[in-house]
Protein backbone atom coordinates (compact mmCIF):
# COMPACT_ATOMS: atom_id res chain seq x y z
CA MET A 1 139.66 92.01 109.96
CA SER A 2 141.22 94.73 112.15
CA ASP A 3 139.85 95.53 115.61
CA CYS A 4 138.65 98.91 114.36
CA ALA A 5 136.81 97.34 111.43
CA ALA A 6 135.27 94.70 113.67
CA ASN A 7 134.10 97.33 116.16
CA GLY A 8 132.66 99.39 113.33
CA SER A 9 130.69 96.44 111.99
CA LEU A 10 129.40 95.64 115.49
CA ASN A 11 128.32 99.23 116.05
CA GLU A 12 126.49 99.27 112.74
CA ALA A 13 124.70 96.04 113.62
CA LEU A 14 123.71 97.35 117.06
CA ASP A 15 122.37 100.56 115.56
CA ALA A 16 119.71 98.47 113.79
CA PHE A 17 118.28 97.29 117.14
CA SER A 18 115.57 99.09 119.06
CA ALA A 19 116.12 100.00 122.72
CA ARG A 20 113.91 97.12 123.77
CA GLU A 21 115.82 94.68 121.57
CA LEU A 22 119.15 95.93 122.92
CA LEU A 23 117.93 95.39 126.47
CA ARG A 24 116.90 91.84 125.64
CA LEU A 25 120.28 91.24 124.04
CA LEU A 26 122.16 92.53 127.07
CA ASN A 27 120.10 90.23 129.29
CA ASP A 28 120.84 87.22 127.10
CA TRP A 29 123.43 85.04 128.82
CA GLU A 30 124.49 83.43 125.57
CA PHE A 31 125.47 86.90 124.30
CA THR A 32 127.09 88.35 127.44
CA ALA A 33 128.84 85.34 129.04
CA ARG A 34 132.62 85.47 129.13
CA ARG A 35 134.61 82.62 127.65
CA ASP A 36 135.53 81.23 131.08
CA GLN A 37 131.80 81.10 131.95
CA TRP A 38 130.82 79.19 128.82
CA PRO A 39 130.65 75.38 128.87
CA PRO A 40 133.55 73.54 127.22
CA ASP A 41 133.18 71.53 124.04
CA PHE A 42 131.64 68.10 124.28
CA THR A 43 134.96 66.28 124.48
CA ALA A 44 138.14 66.77 126.46
CA SER A 45 141.19 64.75 125.41
CA GLY A 46 139.02 62.88 122.90
CA LEU A 47 136.48 61.74 125.52
CA PRO A 48 133.29 63.40 126.80
CA TRP A 49 134.24 65.41 129.87
CA ARG A 50 132.69 64.36 133.16
CA GLN A 51 133.50 67.40 135.25
CA TRP A 52 133.82 71.05 134.30
CA LEU A 53 135.86 72.78 136.98
CA ILE A 54 135.72 76.57 137.28
CA LEU A 55 138.39 77.89 139.64
CA GLY A 56 137.66 81.54 140.28
CA GLY A 57 138.18 84.46 142.58
CA ARG A 58 135.61 86.15 144.75
CA GLY A 59 133.00 87.94 142.66
CA ALA A 60 134.32 86.42 139.43
CA GLY A 61 130.89 85.26 138.25
CA LYS A 62 131.15 81.57 139.22
CA THR A 63 127.67 81.39 140.74
CA ARG A 64 126.11 83.02 137.68
CA ALA A 65 127.89 80.53 135.41
CA GLY A 66 126.62 77.62 137.52
CA ALA A 67 123.03 78.86 137.65
CA GLU A 68 122.94 79.55 133.91
CA TRP A 69 124.34 76.09 133.17
CA VAL A 70 121.68 74.36 135.27
CA LYS A 71 118.99 76.55 133.72
CA ALA A 72 120.15 75.66 130.21
CA LEU A 73 120.15 71.94 131.03
CA ALA A 74 116.69 72.14 132.58
CA LEU A 75 115.23 74.05 129.63
CA GLY A 76 117.02 71.95 127.01
CA ARG A 77 118.93 74.81 125.40
CA PRO A 78 120.50 73.31 122.22
CA GLN A 79 123.93 74.90 122.84
CA PHE A 80 124.11 72.94 126.11
CA CYS A 81 122.27 69.67 125.61
CA ALA A 82 120.24 67.71 123.06
CA ARG A 83 117.15 67.62 125.30
CA PRO A 84 116.18 68.73 128.82
CA VAL A 85 118.05 67.04 131.65
CA SER A 86 115.40 65.92 134.11
CA ARG A 87 117.30 65.06 137.31
CA ILE A 88 119.89 67.50 138.68
CA ALA A 89 121.75 67.64 142.01
CA LEU A 90 122.63 70.96 143.66
CA VAL A 91 125.37 70.45 146.26
CA GLY A 92 126.72 73.22 148.49
CA GLU A 93 128.67 73.67 151.70
CA THR A 94 125.52 73.72 153.84
CA ALA A 95 121.77 73.56 153.25
CA ALA A 96 121.61 77.31 153.91
CA ASP A 97 124.29 77.99 151.27
CA VAL A 98 122.43 75.96 148.65
CA ARG A 99 119.25 77.91 149.27
CA GLU A 100 120.68 81.40 149.86
CA VAL A 101 123.40 81.37 147.18
CA MET A 102 122.68 78.72 144.55
CA ILE A 103 118.89 79.08 144.50
CA GLU A 104 117.73 82.40 145.97
CA GLY A 105 120.94 84.44 145.60
CA VAL A 106 121.26 87.48 143.34
CA SER A 107 122.98 85.27 140.73
CA GLY A 108 121.16 82.09 141.72
CA LEU A 109 118.76 79.88 139.83
CA LEU A 110 115.58 81.83 140.55
CA ALA A 111 117.21 85.11 139.52
CA VAL A 112 118.50 83.89 136.13
CA HIS A 113 115.08 82.65 134.96
CA ALA A 114 112.49 84.87 133.36
CA ALA A 115 109.19 84.86 135.25
CA ARG A 116 107.43 82.68 132.67
CA GLU A 117 110.01 79.87 132.92
CA ARG A 118 111.03 80.14 136.57
CA PRO A 119 110.93 76.89 138.60
CA ARG A 120 109.11 76.55 141.91
CA TRP A 121 111.11 76.23 145.11
CA GLU A 122 109.56 73.57 147.34
CA SER A 123 111.41 74.25 150.57
CA SER A 124 109.88 71.36 152.51
CA ARG A 125 111.20 68.90 149.94
CA ARG A 126 114.39 70.89 149.24
CA ARG A 127 113.92 70.90 145.49
CA LEU A 128 113.27 73.11 142.47
CA VAL A 129 110.58 71.95 140.04
CA TRP A 130 110.12 73.25 136.50
CA ASP A 131 106.74 73.07 134.73
CA SER A 132 108.27 70.51 132.36
CA GLY A 133 108.83 68.12 135.27
CA VAL A 134 112.58 68.71 135.59
CA VAL A 135 113.70 68.50 139.22
CA ALA A 136 116.83 69.88 140.90
CA GLN A 137 117.38 68.52 144.42
CA ALA A 138 119.37 70.39 147.07
CA PHE A 139 122.03 68.62 149.14
CA SER A 140 124.44 69.70 151.85
CA ALA A 141 128.08 68.60 152.05
CA GLU A 142 127.51 68.30 155.79
CA ASP A 143 125.37 65.22 155.11
CA PRO A 144 127.08 62.96 152.54
CA GLU A 145 124.67 60.09 153.29
CA SER A 146 121.75 62.10 151.87
CA LEU A 147 123.26 61.45 148.42
CA ARG A 148 123.04 57.71 148.92
CA GLY A 149 120.08 56.54 146.84
CA PRO A 150 119.09 59.41 144.49
CA GLN A 151 120.31 59.35 140.89
CA PHE A 152 121.01 62.18 138.49
CA HIS A 153 121.83 63.25 134.95
CA ALA A 154 123.91 66.24 136.11
CA ALA A 155 125.12 68.07 139.21
CA TRP A 156 126.26 71.55 140.17
CA CYS A 157 128.74 71.57 143.09
CA ASP A 158 129.44 74.99 144.57
CA GLU A 159 132.45 75.98 146.72
CA LEU A 160 133.80 72.43 146.94
CA ALA A 161 136.97 73.70 148.65
CA LYS A 162 134.85 74.66 151.68
CA TRP A 163 132.94 71.37 152.03
CA ARG A 164 133.24 69.86 155.50
CA TYR A 165 133.10 66.27 154.26
CA ALA A 166 134.46 66.89 150.79
CA ARG A 167 135.72 63.41 149.95
CA GLU A 168 132.70 61.56 151.33
CA THR A 169 130.21 63.92 149.65
CA TRP A 170 132.00 63.77 146.33
CA ASP A 171 132.19 59.98 146.36
CA MET A 172 128.49 59.59 147.12
CA LEU A 173 127.63 62.00 144.32
CA GLN A 174 129.68 60.03 141.78
CA PHE A 175 127.65 56.88 142.46
CA GLY A 176 124.46 58.86 141.83
CA LEU A 177 125.55 60.36 138.50
CA ARG A 178 124.31 57.45 136.42
CA LEU A 179 121.40 58.65 134.27
CA GLY A 180 121.39 59.43 130.57
CA ASP A 181 124.03 59.19 127.90
CA TRP A 182 126.35 61.81 129.40
CA PRO A 183 126.25 62.29 133.20
CA ARG A 184 128.29 65.36 134.04
CA GLN A 185 128.91 67.91 136.76
CA LEU A 186 130.03 71.49 137.15
CA VAL A 187 132.22 72.50 140.10
CA THR A 188 132.46 76.22 140.88
CA THR A 189 134.86 77.11 143.66
CA THR A 190 137.50 79.45 144.96
CA PRO A 191 140.43 77.03 145.35
CA ARG A 192 142.36 75.81 148.33
CA PRO A 193 145.25 73.31 148.29
CA MET A 194 143.09 70.30 149.19
CA PRO A 195 143.84 66.79 147.85
CA LEU A 196 140.44 66.26 146.19
CA LEU A 197 140.63 69.49 144.24
CA LYS A 198 144.17 68.78 143.08
CA GLU A 199 143.08 65.33 141.90
CA LEU A 200 140.19 66.81 139.92
CA ILE A 201 142.44 69.34 138.22
CA VAL A 202 144.65 66.64 136.69
CA HIS A 203 141.90 64.07 136.07
CA PRO A 204 141.67 63.17 132.34
CA SER A 205 137.89 63.73 132.26
CA THR A 206 138.12 67.23 133.77
CA VAL A 207 137.98 70.45 131.79
CA LEU A 208 139.46 73.34 133.79
CA THR A 209 138.69 77.02 133.32
CA ARG A 210 139.80 79.93 135.48
CA ALA A 211 137.84 83.08 136.31
CA LEU A 212 139.63 86.13 137.71
CA THR A 213 137.82 88.64 139.89
CA ARG A 214 139.02 91.59 137.81
CA GLU A 215 137.46 90.09 134.67
CA ASN A 216 134.04 90.63 136.23
CA ALA A 217 134.73 94.31 136.94
CA ALA A 218 131.56 95.45 135.14
CA HIS A 219 129.47 93.83 137.89
CA LEU A 220 131.56 94.93 140.87
CA ALA A 221 131.89 98.22 142.71
CA PRO A 222 135.01 100.06 141.41
CA SER A 223 136.06 100.88 144.97
CA PHE A 224 136.00 97.16 145.84
CA LEU A 225 138.44 96.25 143.07
CA GLU A 226 140.70 99.20 143.79
CA SER A 227 140.94 98.46 147.49
CA VAL A 228 141.34 94.68 147.38
CA ILE A 229 143.81 94.71 144.50
CA ALA A 230 145.91 97.40 146.17
CA GLN A 231 145.94 95.44 149.42
CA TYR A 232 146.07 91.81 148.30
CA ALA A 233 147.45 91.56 144.73
CA GLY A 234 150.27 89.02 144.60
CA THR A 235 149.82 87.83 148.19
CA ARG A 236 148.79 84.30 149.09
CA LEU A 237 145.27 85.46 149.93
CA GLY A 238 145.01 87.60 146.80
CA ARG A 239 146.21 84.87 144.48
CA GLN A 240 143.67 82.47 146.01
CA GLU A 241 140.69 84.77 146.50
CA LEU A 242 141.12 87.06 143.46
CA ASP A 243 142.96 84.97 140.86
CA GLY A 244 141.59 81.54 141.70
CA GLU A 245 145.04 79.97 142.13
CA ILE A 246 145.92 77.04 144.33
CA VAL A 247 148.76 78.36 146.48
CA GLU A 248 150.72 75.48 147.99
CA GLU A 249 153.64 74.81 150.28
CA ARG A 250 155.58 71.67 151.08
CA LYS A 251 155.56 70.30 154.59
CA ASP A 252 159.36 70.00 154.52
CA ALA A 253 160.00 73.41 152.94
CA LEU A 254 162.35 75.85 154.59
CA TRP A 255 159.76 78.62 154.29
CA THR A 256 156.02 78.66 154.95
CA ARG A 257 153.34 80.90 153.50
CA ASP A 258 152.59 82.27 156.97
CA MET A 259 156.25 83.16 157.43
CA LEU A 260 156.28 85.10 154.16
CA GLU A 261 152.98 86.86 154.85
CA ALA A 262 154.38 87.97 158.21
CA ALA A 263 157.45 89.33 156.40
CA ARG A 264 155.47 91.49 153.96
CA VAL A 265 155.69 95.29 154.18
CA ALA A 266 154.38 98.07 151.95
CA GLU A 267 157.65 99.95 151.63
CA ALA A 268 161.26 99.91 152.73
CA PRO A 269 162.92 102.47 155.00
CA ALA A 270 166.09 104.28 154.01
CA LEU A 271 168.60 101.62 152.98
CA SER A 272 172.31 101.88 153.70
CA ARG A 273 173.40 99.07 151.35
CA ILE A 274 171.82 97.49 148.26
CA VAL A 275 173.07 94.51 146.29
CA VAL A 276 171.85 92.88 143.10
CA ALA A 277 172.49 89.12 143.00
CA VAL A 278 172.68 87.04 139.83
CA ASP A 279 172.37 83.27 139.55
CA PRO A 280 173.32 82.59 135.89
CA PRO A 281 171.88 79.56 134.03
CA ALA A 282 174.24 76.78 133.00
CA SER A 283 173.08 77.06 129.37
CA SER A 284 170.99 79.25 127.09
CA GLY A 285 168.06 78.67 124.78
CA LYS A 286 164.40 77.70 125.22
CA ARG A 287 165.12 74.84 127.63
CA ALA A 288 167.61 76.71 129.77
CA ASP A 289 166.98 77.43 133.43
CA ASN A 290 165.97 80.93 134.43
CA CYS A 291 168.59 83.50 135.29
CA GLY A 292 167.78 84.56 138.83
CA ILE A 293 168.19 88.31 139.35
CA LEU A 294 167.17 89.62 142.80
CA ALA A 295 167.83 92.83 144.68
CA ALA A 296 167.84 93.35 148.43
CA GLY A 297 168.97 96.06 150.79
CA ALA A 298 169.79 96.57 154.45
CA ASP A 299 168.96 99.47 156.76
CA VAL A 300 171.25 100.84 159.46
CA ASP A 301 169.84 98.37 162.00
CA GLY A 302 170.70 95.39 159.82
CA ALA A 303 167.14 94.53 158.75
CA ILE A 304 167.00 93.10 155.21
CA PHE A 305 164.44 94.15 152.60
CA VAL A 306 163.86 92.21 149.36
CA ILE A 307 162.99 94.94 146.86
CA ALA A 308 163.05 93.57 143.29
CA ASP A 309 162.87 90.40 141.20
CA ALA A 310 164.07 90.84 137.60
CA THR A 311 164.56 87.13 136.83
CA LEU A 312 164.62 86.24 133.13
CA SER A 313 163.69 83.00 131.38
CA ALA A 314 165.43 81.51 128.33
CA ALA A 315 167.79 84.47 128.18
CA ARG A 316 171.13 84.64 126.42
CA PRO A 317 174.15 85.76 128.49
CA ALA A 318 174.14 89.27 127.03
CA GLN A 319 170.43 89.64 127.86
CA TRP A 320 170.63 88.65 131.52
CA ALA A 321 173.81 90.69 131.96
CA ARG A 322 172.07 93.81 130.64
CA ALA A 323 169.05 93.14 132.88
CA ALA A 324 171.24 92.78 135.96
CA ILE A 325 173.21 95.95 135.15
CA ALA A 326 169.96 97.85 134.48
CA LEU A 327 168.60 96.87 137.90
CA TYR A 328 171.92 97.80 139.51
CA HIS A 329 171.70 101.33 138.09
CA LYS A 330 167.95 101.69 138.71
CA LEU A 331 168.42 101.02 142.41
CA SER A 332 171.80 102.80 142.72
CA ALA A 333 173.09 99.56 144.18
CA ASP A 334 176.47 99.15 145.84
CA ALA A 335 177.49 95.92 144.15
CA LEU A 336 176.59 93.02 141.92
CA VAL A 337 176.97 89.55 143.38
CA ALA A 338 177.23 86.75 140.82
CA GLU A 339 177.63 83.01 141.24
CA VAL A 340 180.40 81.58 139.05
CA ASN A 341 180.03 77.82 139.59
CA GLN A 342 178.37 77.37 136.20
CA GLY A 343 179.99 80.05 134.07
CA GLY A 344 183.32 80.87 135.67
CA GLU A 345 185.04 83.87 134.13
CA MET A 346 182.35 84.05 131.45
CA VAL A 347 179.98 85.51 134.04
CA ARG A 348 182.38 88.31 134.90
CA ALA A 349 183.13 88.89 131.23
CA VAL A 350 179.50 89.34 130.12
CA LEU A 351 178.75 91.62 133.10
CA ASN A 352 181.87 93.70 132.38
CA GLU A 353 180.87 93.90 128.73
CA ALA A 354 177.47 95.27 129.76
CA ASP A 355 179.12 97.82 132.09
CA ALA A 356 182.79 97.63 132.99
CA SER A 357 182.34 100.18 135.81
CA ALA A 358 179.93 98.05 137.85
CA PRO A 359 181.65 96.40 140.82
CA VAL A 360 181.11 92.64 140.54
CA THR A 361 181.67 90.30 143.49
CA MET A 362 182.14 86.71 142.33
CA VAL A 363 180.89 84.01 144.68
CA ARG A 364 181.32 80.26 144.43
CA ALA A 365 179.08 77.67 146.04
CA THR A 366 180.99 75.17 148.18
CA ARG A 367 177.95 73.65 149.88
CA GLY A 368 174.63 72.31 148.61
CA LYS A 369 171.70 74.61 147.94
CA TYR A 370 169.78 73.49 151.02
CA LEU A 371 172.71 74.12 153.36
CA ARG A 372 173.25 77.57 151.82
CA ALA A 373 169.56 78.44 152.10
CA ALA A 374 169.03 77.26 155.70
CA PRO A 375 170.79 80.23 157.40
CA VAL A 376 168.77 82.63 155.25
CA ALA A 377 165.52 80.89 156.22
CA GLN A 378 166.58 81.30 159.85
CA LEU A 379 166.82 85.06 159.33
CA TYR A 380 163.20 85.01 158.12
CA GLU A 381 162.17 83.06 161.23
CA GLN A 382 163.86 85.71 163.35
CA GLY A 383 161.90 88.44 161.56
CA ARG A 384 165.03 90.05 160.12
CA VAL A 385 164.01 89.81 156.44
CA LYS A 386 161.06 91.64 154.86
CA HIS A 387 159.50 91.54 151.39
CA VAL A 388 158.54 94.93 150.00
CA GLY A 389 155.30 93.99 148.27
CA ALA A 390 154.67 90.56 146.77
CA PHE A 391 156.94 88.31 144.72
CA PRO A 392 154.66 85.39 143.72
CA ALA A 393 157.14 83.42 141.60
CA LEU A 394 159.94 83.76 144.14
CA GLU A 395 157.66 82.89 147.05
CA ASP A 396 156.39 79.80 145.22
CA GLU A 397 159.97 78.55 144.97
CA MET A 398 160.66 79.32 148.62
CA CYS A 399 157.60 77.36 149.82
CA ASP A 400 158.41 74.44 147.52
CA PHE A 401 162.08 74.12 148.45
CA GLY A 402 162.95 71.11 150.61
CA LEU A 403 165.88 68.79 151.17
CA ASP A 404 165.63 67.46 147.62
CA GLY A 405 165.19 70.89 146.03
CA LEU A 406 162.03 71.89 144.17
CA SER A 407 159.34 69.28 143.69
CA SER A 408 159.50 69.91 139.92
CA GLY A 409 163.20 69.02 139.83
CA ARG A 410 164.03 72.38 138.24
CA SER A 411 166.72 74.71 139.52
CA PRO A 412 165.51 77.23 142.17
CA ASP A 413 167.01 80.17 140.30
CA ARG A 414 165.15 82.98 142.04
CA LEU A 415 165.80 81.41 145.42
CA ASP A 416 169.51 80.98 144.68
CA ALA A 417 169.80 84.66 143.78
CA LEU A 418 167.88 85.60 146.94
CA VAL A 419 170.24 83.53 149.08
CA TRP A 420 173.30 85.18 147.54
CA ALA A 421 171.83 88.68 148.03
CA ILE A 422 170.88 88.15 151.68
CA ALA A 423 174.13 86.34 152.44
CA ALA A 424 176.07 89.31 151.05
CA LEU A 425 174.11 91.70 153.26
CA ALA A 426 173.81 89.76 156.49
CA LEU A 427 176.06 86.70 156.52
CA THR A 428 179.35 88.14 155.27
CA PRO A 429 181.45 91.14 156.38
CA LYS A 430 179.91 94.50 155.49
CA ALA A 431 181.13 96.34 152.41
CA PRO A 432 182.05 100.05 152.23
CA GLU A 433 180.69 103.03 154.11
CA PRO A 434 176.90 103.20 154.02
CA ARG A 435 174.94 105.58 151.82
CA MET A 436 171.34 106.31 152.76
CA ARG A 437 168.76 105.76 150.00
CA ARG A 438 165.00 105.81 150.39
CA MET A 439 163.14 103.34 148.20
């Protein structure tokens, strides 16, 4: 069925509802929940999952998903469980967070229940009690020992990446999840590169879903999305706080996230020289390395500005040559710099075939990648290189590049192209008379 036909059928069905029925439908979580807010199937990798991990940005609807899940377990909703789950743990960063966010918050447990089914909050005993006898106890990650003793069927853990005693609290909770046929837990958090969270992501009994802030736009002020996306999209903070990504760096990497954030600018000044650098893959096809294609320019004072990343994956020679030439013309660049270690004269030939008039400077690596990259990293440390906007894929390579290359073992194609571009601008004799261009 086409999208138009499907929308037509839906509109016809909705026309049959009264205003009151439509309001009830729009307030029904099982109708309005997004896919990333809906519990996974019973099994993951052939086994019942033990933890459902929602990594999400700020305002992405994680708290609502957690509260609705606990509500469904407590009320025995058939889409969630075979019968009501009677003992539930609620674990947050602090006791105040559990109460003010998970329980009394605008998307918390009290808010998602209709008045007739709402549990009672017994603050002195730090627990929610439903009329059916189901109990949800509140715990703080500041006091892991409070989880020693109680036992549960299920648990909701909120903002695990902020827990003060994350490992100790998590371990104590696991010993308490021992009731029923299927003890399980939901973790809702904006991620940080912490060991426990990384272990949970790859654990065979974990089901991972991701929730992006922009996907919850209907429940957020438009001005909020416009301002934060304009300011933070693609940056380390934006990727973590808006896209729910774990943004990492190696301890032995030549670049750090802080170094790159300090190098970020909104726009470049007038540039006197611009080069497009190409790091061709050794082969082509689906398993080939990327073809790194980066552009950078220099102003009259010698400051370097990284201005474009047009890297291609699994591209044939003619494709990456056309992409490099297109970027060269788009930026009115002065030259193309291309590494020839892998392709030799083939590199020049495919670039000349794409545009014989483009001046191509062939460069050959005589030292290892780390030794070539180190002087460029030093320029960043000196504050002489800036990034115009954000380049997430490139910056991931830079912060994962150590003495033994990338931790994945793959070729650092974007980084190689970056090194060639900056070396051509700052570490080799200057080319022809400058022309001023404003980006």
